[in-house]
C-alpha cells in the first residue's frame, strides 16, 4: 500500500503588503494554501486574483481581541487544518507620537504597542490554540532596531521596545510549547522597502545613511529578501530562533 504524505502547507499570514505580500506570493507559488488576516482588503483581493492558493482574507483589526479570535477560527475552518502561522502585521508609531522616551505620551506608547505587540500576542495566542493538537510553526516579526538601535534617524523607542518584547515572546513560547510540537521563531529585518518605510525612502539623508548601514543591500532591502528566512523557519525543525536579515546593519558599528 502506498501512503501519500501531504507536503503542502496551510498557512495563516497576518498582513497583505510589503513583506507579507512577498511571503504570500512565495507560499502560494510553491503550492501552499494561504489565508490572510488583518491586511488591507484591496491588497488581499489582488493576491487572491493572482493565485488560487490564496483562499481568502478577513480585513479585521488585529488589535481587537474578539475580532482576532473569531477570524482565526474562520481561517482554520477555511484551511481545513492549519500547519503554520506567520505574524507580520505592525507598523511605525510616528503617527501616534512615537519618538524618544522623554517625548512619548502614554497614549502614543499604548497605541504603538497595540499596533505591534498586542497584534503579535493575539496572533501567537490564537495560533497556539489552532496548533496545540497537531503541532506546527509560528513565526513572528521583530526588528533590527530592538537589538541594534540607531541614535539618529530611527528614534522610535516605543516601536523598538515592542519589537524587543517580541523577541522575548519567542524565547518563552518556544520553551513552553515544545512538548506540544509547536515551534516558535522570528525574523528580525533591517530596513525594508515597504509602505511603512515611506518616510525613510523619501529622505535623501536617510537614504545615504542606509547605503552605509546596509551595504550588502545597497540601501533598503527588497521585501523578497526576507522570504527565504520565513520559509526556512516554516519548513525546518528549529525553534527559539531569531533570524536576522539586515543587509549588514548589525555588523556596521561605526555609524
Foldseek 3Di string as FASTA:
>chain_A
DDDDDDDAAEEEEEEQWFLRVLQLVVSQVVPHAYEYEQYDPVSLVVSCVVGVSDPYYDNDDLLDLVVLLVVLVVSCVRSVAHAEYEYDFAFALVVVPFFAPVRDDPRSLVVRLSRQQSSLVSSVVNVCVRQQQPAHEYEYEAEPCLPQNDPPPDGRVSNSVSRVVVLVVQQVVCVVRVVSNYAYEYEYEYAAPIPRCVVLVPDPVSQVVQCQLQVQCSGHHGSNQCNVVVVCRRPDPDHSYYHYDYNNNVVPDPD
